[in-house]
Amino acid sequence: MEGNSIPTTMAMNQNGAHRGRASSRDTQKGNWVEEMRGSLMVVATVIATLTFQIAINPPGGVWQQDSNNQQGCASGNTCKAGTSVLATSSDDENQRLKYEMFILLCTVSFTASQTVILFLLTGFQLRNRLVMWLLILVMCLSVICLAGAYVISIWMVMKPLDKLINKITLYYALFWAGLVALLCLALLLRFLIWLFKAFYRFLCCW
């Protein structure tokens, strides 16, 4: 009887240790998810608020009253009150293109932030690391679009640009593009490692 009880006790101890390790992993995973949830919510809210304010208060301001070409509006146009000054005050197509790109980047950044906020509020499968990593990638897209909008706003407001300022803003844009690319690559590698481990555990348990 004593000989049989020893293996049984060892098996129970091993099962208890296994459950303890599993519980510890679940706790760490839950803490990581909750921390990322809070961080993403704060960042997404700030970016959404910022891009909304930028859209309704564009660089250069808006026309306070209806204006024609004698008052600085582009020739042949009547600039309506409340519309962007930089978008309608010049015959330069490049200026209008910059403004359109500026609004597009702000819209993408705002939409990405709103998407993250919506997912966080609904709690849709947030304990899944894959979902959290996708949300992080969406926030990376939001940040890079915001940085691009900042660079374009400088190009619109400070026209013509000094050569030094032009180089600085160009390097700034390249720096942010490279930084976000590296971060996305790092997240992709982490995801592939996690996917490989999950697939390996699946094969072992099959």
Protein backbone atom coordinates (compact mmCIF):
# COMPACT_ATOMS: atom_id res chain seq x y z
CA MET A 1 0.00 0.00 0.00
CA GLU A 2 2.79 2.40 0.91
CA GLY A 3 4.56 1.64 -2.40
CA ASN A 4 1.41 2.53 -4.34
CA SER A 5 0.79 5.72 -2.38
CA ILE A 6 4.20 7.20 -3.21
CA PRO A 7 3.67 7.34 -7.01
CA THR A 8 0.16 8.65 -6.43
CA THR A 9 1.48 11.43 -4.20
CA MET A 10 4.18 12.32 -6.73
CA ALA A 11 1.60 12.47 -9.52
CA MET A 12 -0.61 14.74 -7.44
CA ASN A 13 2.34 17.02 -6.70
CA GLN A 14 3.25 17.18 -10.38
CA ASN A 15 -0.33 17.99 -11.34
CA GLY A 16 -0.45 20.69 -8.68
CA ALA A 17 2.81 22.20 -9.91
CA HIS A 18 1.53 22.12 -13.49
CA ARG A 19 -1.68 23.87 -12.49
CA GLY A 20 0.35 26.42 -10.55
CA ARG A 21 2.51 27.24 -13.57
CA ALA A 22 -0.56 27.45 -15.80
CA SER A 23 -2.26 29.76 -13.32
CA SER A 24 0.86 31.94 -13.17
CA ARG A 25 0.98 32.19 -16.96
CA ASP A 26 -2.72 33.10 -17.08
CA THR A 27 -2.18 35.78 -14.44
CA GLN A 28 0.77 37.28 -16.33
CA LYS A 29 -1.19 37.21 -19.57
CA GLY A 30 -4.15 38.88 -17.91
CA ASN A 31 -1.93 41.60 -16.43
CA TRP A 32 -0.28 42.22 -19.81
CA VAL A 33 -3.64 42.50 -21.54
CA GLU A 34 -5.01 44.90 -18.92
CA GLU A 35 -1.90 47.08 -19.07
CA MET A 36 -2.00 47.23 -22.86
CA ARG A 37 -5.74 47.91 -22.79
CA GLY A 38 -5.23 50.94 -20.54
CA SER A 39 -2.29 52.26 -22.55
CA LEU A 40 -4.07 51.85 -25.88
CA MET A 41 -7.19 53.57 -24.57
CA VAL A 42 -5.23 56.60 -23.37
CA VAL A 43 -3.18 56.94 -26.57
CA ALA A 44 -6.18 56.38 -28.85
CA THR A 45 -8.27 58.95 -26.98
CA VAL A 46 -5.52 61.58 -27.12
CA ILE A 47 -4.89 61.05 -30.85
CA ALA A 48 -8.62 61.05 -31.68
CA THR A 49 -9.09 64.33 -29.80
CA LEU A 50 -6.02 65.88 -31.41
CA THR A 51 -6.90 64.93 -34.98
CA PHE A 52 -10.50 66.08 -34.52
CA GLN A 53 -9.31 69.50 -33.36
CA ILE A 54 -6.84 69.71 -36.25
CA ALA A 55 -9.57 68.92 -38.76
CA ILE A 56 -11.96 71.62 -37.54
CA ASN A 57 -9.13 74.12 -36.91
CA PRO A 58 -6.75 73.54 -39.87
CA PRO A 59 -3.37 75.29 -40.20
CA GLY A 60 -3.85 78.85 -41.39
CA GLY A 61 -7.33 79.08 -39.93
CA VAL A 62 -10.66 79.45 -41.74
CA TRP A 63 -12.35 82.29 -43.56
CA GLN A 64 -14.40 84.42 -41.20
CA GLN A 65 -16.67 85.65 -43.99
CA ASP A 66 -17.32 85.03 -47.67
CA SER A 67 -14.38 86.38 -49.67
CA ASN A 68 -13.52 86.84 -53.35
CA ASN A 69 -10.23 87.01 -55.22
CA GLN A 70 -9.69 90.70 -54.34
CA GLN A 71 -9.46 89.68 -50.68
CA GLY A 72 -6.90 86.91 -51.08
CA CYS A 73 -9.10 84.11 -52.38
CA ALA A 74 -8.01 82.17 -55.45
CA SER A 75 -9.02 83.76 -58.73
CA GLY A 76 -12.45 82.81 -59.97
CA ASN A 77 -13.54 81.44 -56.59
CA THR A 78 -15.61 82.69 -53.71
CA CYS A 79 -14.18 81.45 -50.44
CA LYS A 80 -17.00 80.55 -48.08
CA ALA A 81 -16.92 81.41 -44.42
CA GLY A 82 -15.73 78.46 -42.32
CA THR A 83 -13.64 76.88 -45.07
CA SER A 84 -9.87 76.48 -44.86
CA VAL A 85 -7.80 79.49 -45.86
CA LEU A 86 -4.83 77.45 -47.11
CA ALA A 87 -7.06 75.21 -49.21
CA THR A 88 -8.71 78.04 -51.17
CA SER A 89 -6.45 81.09 -50.97
CA SER A 90 -3.92 80.10 -53.62
CA ASP A 91 -3.87 79.10 -57.27
CA ASP A 92 -0.95 76.78 -56.49
CA GLU A 93 -2.09 73.19 -57.06
CA ASN A 94 0.74 71.87 -54.90
CA GLN A 95 -0.63 73.80 -51.95
CA ARG A 96 -4.06 72.26 -52.42
CA LEU A 97 -2.52 68.82 -52.82
CA LYS A 98 -0.64 69.27 -49.55
CA TYR A 99 -3.84 70.28 -47.81
CA GLU A 100 -5.69 67.26 -49.20
CA MET A 101 -2.89 64.96 -48.05
CA PHE A 102 -2.96 66.65 -44.65
CA ILE A 103 -6.69 66.02 -44.26
CA LEU A 104 -6.31 62.45 -45.53
CA LEU A 105 -3.60 61.64 -42.98
CA CYS A 106 -5.63 63.21 -40.17
CA THR A 107 -8.68 61.20 -41.25
CA VAL A 108 -6.75 57.91 -41.30
CA SER A 109 -5.25 58.67 -37.89
CA PHE A 110 -8.64 59.62 -36.46
CA THR A 111 -10.34 56.54 -37.92
CA ALA A 112 -7.63 54.20 -36.62
CA SER A 113 -7.91 55.68 -33.13
CA GLN A 114 -11.70 55.42 -33.17
CA THR A 115 -11.44 51.79 -34.26
CA VAL A 116 -9.15 50.97 -31.34
CA ILE A 117 -11.45 52.79 -28.90
CA LEU A 118 -14.46 50.89 -30.23
CA PHE A 119 -12.73 47.52 -29.85
CA LEU A 120 -11.56 48.38 -26.34
CA LEU A 121 -15.00 49.54 -25.23
CA THR A 122 -16.76 46.45 -26.56
CA GLY A 123 -14.13 44.10 -25.08
CA PHE A 124 -14.08 41.99 -28.23
CA GLN A 125 -11.69 39.04 -27.59
CA LEU A 126 -9.21 41.33 -25.86
CA ARG A 127 -7.59 38.43 -24.00
CA ASN A 128 -6.33 37.17 -27.32
CA ARG A 129 -2.75 38.35 -27.89
CA LEU A 130 -3.33 38.33 -31.65
CA VAL A 131 -6.14 40.87 -31.30
CA MET A 132 -4.04 43.07 -29.02
CA TRP A 133 -1.11 43.01 -31.43
CA LEU A 134 -3.40 43.97 -34.30
CA LEU A 135 -4.70 46.90 -32.25
CA ILE A 136 -1.11 47.95 -31.53
CA LEU A 137 -0.34 47.88 -35.26
CA VAL A 138 -3.40 50.03 -35.91
CA MET A 139 -2.15 52.52 -33.33
CA CYS A 140 1.27 52.54 -35.01
CA LEU A 141 -0.50 53.46 -38.25
CA SER A 142 -2.34 56.23 -36.42
CA VAL A 143 0.89 57.64 -34.99
CA ILE A 144 2.76 57.62 -38.31
CA CYS A 145 -0.16 59.35 -40.05
CA LEU A 146 -0.18 61.98 -37.32
CA ALA A 147 3.55 62.55 -37.80
CA GLY A 148 3.02 62.86 -41.55
CA ALA A 149 0.24 65.39 -41.00
CA TYR A 150 2.59 67.40 -38.79
CA VAL A 151 5.28 67.52 -41.49
CA ILE A 152 2.80 68.56 -44.17
CA SER A 153 1.35 71.27 -41.93
CA ILE A 154 4.86 72.74 -41.59
CA TRP A 155 5.26 72.67 -45.37
CA MET A 156 1.94 74.48 -45.78
CA VAL A 157 2.44 77.15 -43.13
CA MET A 158 6.13 77.90 -43.74
CA LYS A 159 6.07 78.52 -47.47
CA PRO A 160 8.55 78.90 -49.06
CA LEU A 161 10.64 76.74 -46.77
CA ASP A 162 14.23 77.49 -45.94
CA LYS A 163 16.57 74.78 -47.22
CA LEU A 164 17.67 73.87 -43.71
CA ILE A 165 14.10 73.60 -42.43
CA ASN A 166 13.15 71.62 -45.51
CA LYS A 167 15.92 69.11 -44.80
CA ILE A 168 15.02 68.90 -41.11
CA THR A 169 11.37 68.17 -41.82
CA LEU A 170 12.33 65.62 -44.48
CA TYR A 171 14.69 63.83 -42.08
CA TYR A 172 12.00 63.97 -39.42
CA ALA A 173 9.53 62.25 -41.73
CA LEU A 174 12.10 59.62 -42.72
CA PHE A 175 12.98 59.04 -39.06
CA TRP A 176 9.37 58.39 -38.12
CA ALA A 177 8.79 56.17 -41.13
CA GLY A 178 11.88 54.11 -40.29
CA LEU A 179 11.03 53.93 -36.59
CA VAL A 180 7.50 52.72 -37.22
CA ALA A 181 8.77 50.23 -39.81
CA LEU A 182 11.20 48.79 -37.24
CA LEU A 183 8.50 48.59 -34.59
CA CYS A 184 6.11 46.87 -36.98
CA LEU A 185 8.86 44.42 -37.94
CA ALA A 186 9.56 43.69 -34.26
CA LEU A 187 5.86 43.11 -33.59
CA LEU A 188 5.65 40.86 -36.63
CA LEU A 189 8.61 38.78 -35.42
CA ARG A 190 7.07 38.49 -31.94
CA PHE A 191 3.81 37.41 -33.50
CA LEU A 192 5.52 34.78 -35.65
CA ILE A 193 7.37 33.44 -32.60
CA TRP A 194 4.12 33.30 -30.64
CA LEU A 195 2.37 31.60 -33.56
CA PHE A 196 5.14 29.01 -33.84
CA LYS A 197 4.97 28.25 -30.11
CA ALA A 198 1.18 27.97 -30.23
CA PHE A 199 1.39 25.61 -33.21
CA TYR A 200 4.06 23.54 -31.44
CA ARG A 201 1.90 23.23 -28.31
CA PHE A 202 -1.03 22.24 -30.49
CA LEU A 203 0.99 19.45 -32.10
CA CYS A 204 2.23 18.23 -28.72
CA CYS A 205 -1.27 18.07 -27.28
CA TRP A 206 -2.79 16.46 -30.37
